[in-house]
Amino acid sequence: MALTILTACGQEMKEVDVSDGRVSHVLSIQKVENNKSSDSLRALRRNAEDNKEILDKIDGMEIERKGQGKLLEKLESQNTYVYSFS
């Protein structure tokens, strides 16, 4: 199982401070099975304590840079959970 926390396209890198409280309080968790997903595989979390726990886990985590092909290969080879704040 792979966990994709942050993905982006572009040449520019920008550090995001997740400890300043400006991140949305709504967390979307999307499961991708066999390279497909649906609304039934999506959950929204609005519990501030749960969301803070996830942010604490990723704060300071090293980012692994991958090319688009390698990332897609990894995502297509196994079930994936995508976490995003909106």
Protein backbone atom coordinates (compact mmCIF):
# COMPACT_ATOMS: atom_id res chain seq x y z
CA MET A 1 0.00 0.00 0.00
CA ALA A 2 1.29 3.45 -0.88
CA LEU A 3 0.40 6.67 0.86
CA THR A 4 0.49 9.84 -1.21
CA ILE A 5 0.35 12.84 1.04
CA LEU A 6 1.33 15.68 -1.25
CA THR A 7 1.71 15.67 -4.99
CA ALA A 8 2.29 18.59 -7.30
CA CYS A 9 3.37 19.41 -10.81
CA GLY A 10 5.78 22.18 -11.63
CA GLN A 11 9.37 23.27 -11.41
CA GLU A 12 9.05 25.42 -8.30
CA MET A 13 9.34 24.11 -4.75
CA LYS A 14 7.57 25.83 -1.88
CA GLU A 15 7.68 24.85 1.76
CA VAL A 16 4.32 24.74 3.51
CA ASP A 17 4.19 25.33 7.25
CA VAL A 18 1.48 22.97 8.51
CA SER A 19 1.86 24.07 12.12
CA ASP A 20 0.52 27.59 11.74
CA GLY A 21 -3.16 26.60 11.82
CA ARG A 22 -4.04 28.09 8.44
CA VAL A 23 -4.67 24.69 6.88
CA SER A 24 -8.33 23.87 6.30
CA HIS A 25 -10.13 21.82 8.89
CA VAL A 26 -11.62 19.49 6.27
CA LEU A 27 -9.59 16.42 5.41
CA SER A 28 -10.52 14.33 2.37
CA ILE A 29 -9.36 10.70 2.28
CA GLN A 30 -9.68 8.97 -1.09
CA LYS A 31 -8.92 5.30 -1.65
CA VAL A 32 -7.81 4.25 -5.14
CA GLU A 33 -8.22 0.54 -5.93
CA ASN A 34 -7.00 -0.99 -9.19
CA ASN A 35 -6.21 2.52 -10.44
CA LYS A 36 -9.88 3.57 -9.99
CA SER A 37 -11.88 5.38 -7.36
CA SER A 38 -15.40 6.53 -6.65
CA ASP A 39 -17.37 8.62 -4.19
CA SER A 40 -18.04 5.50 -2.14
CA LEU A 41 -14.28 5.23 -1.49
CA ARG A 42 -14.04 8.81 -0.20
CA ALA A 43 -14.41 10.07 3.36
CA LEU A 44 -14.40 13.59 4.76
CA ARG A 45 -13.08 14.27 8.24
CA ARG A 46 -13.77 17.49 10.10
CA ASN A 47 -12.48 16.47 13.53
CA ALA A 48 -9.71 18.94 14.37
CA GLU A 49 -7.89 16.50 16.67
CA ASP A 50 -7.73 13.76 14.00
CA ASN A 51 -6.58 16.24 11.36
CA LYS A 52 -3.90 17.65 13.69
CA GLU A 53 -2.64 14.13 14.36
CA ILE A 54 -2.16 13.56 10.62
CA LEU A 55 -0.46 16.95 10.18
CA ASP A 56 1.86 16.18 13.09
CA LYS A 57 2.89 12.94 11.34
CA ILE A 58 3.81 14.69 8.09
CA ASP A 59 5.39 17.80 9.63
CA GLY A 60 9.10 17.65 8.85
CA MET A 61 8.77 14.55 6.66
CA GLU A 62 11.27 14.41 3.82
CA ILE A 63 9.78 14.70 0.36
CA GLU A 64 10.82 12.13 -2.23
CA ARG A 65 11.00 13.68 -5.66
CA LYS A 66 9.86 11.41 -8.51
CA GLY A 67 9.25 11.96 -12.19
CA GLN A 68 5.68 11.67 -13.43
CA GLY A 69 6.28 8.25 -15.00
CA LYS A 70 7.75 6.75 -11.82
CA LEU A 71 4.96 8.22 -9.68
CA LEU A 72 2.24 6.86 -11.97
CA GLU A 73 3.96 3.46 -12.07
CA LYS A 74 4.00 3.34 -8.27
CA LEU A 75 0.39 4.51 -7.95
CA GLU A 76 -0.88 2.02 -10.55
CA SER A 77 0.93 -0.95 -9.01
CA GLN A 78 -0.94 -0.94 -5.70
CA ASN A 79 -3.91 0.43 -3.80
CA THR A 80 -3.34 3.99 -2.67
CA TYR A 81 -4.78 6.43 -0.14
CA VAL A 82 -4.69 10.11 -1.03
CA TYR A 83 -5.03 12.59 1.83
CA SER A 84 -5.80 16.23 1.03
CA PHE A 85 -6.92 19.27 2.93
CA SER A 86 -9.36 21.57 1.22
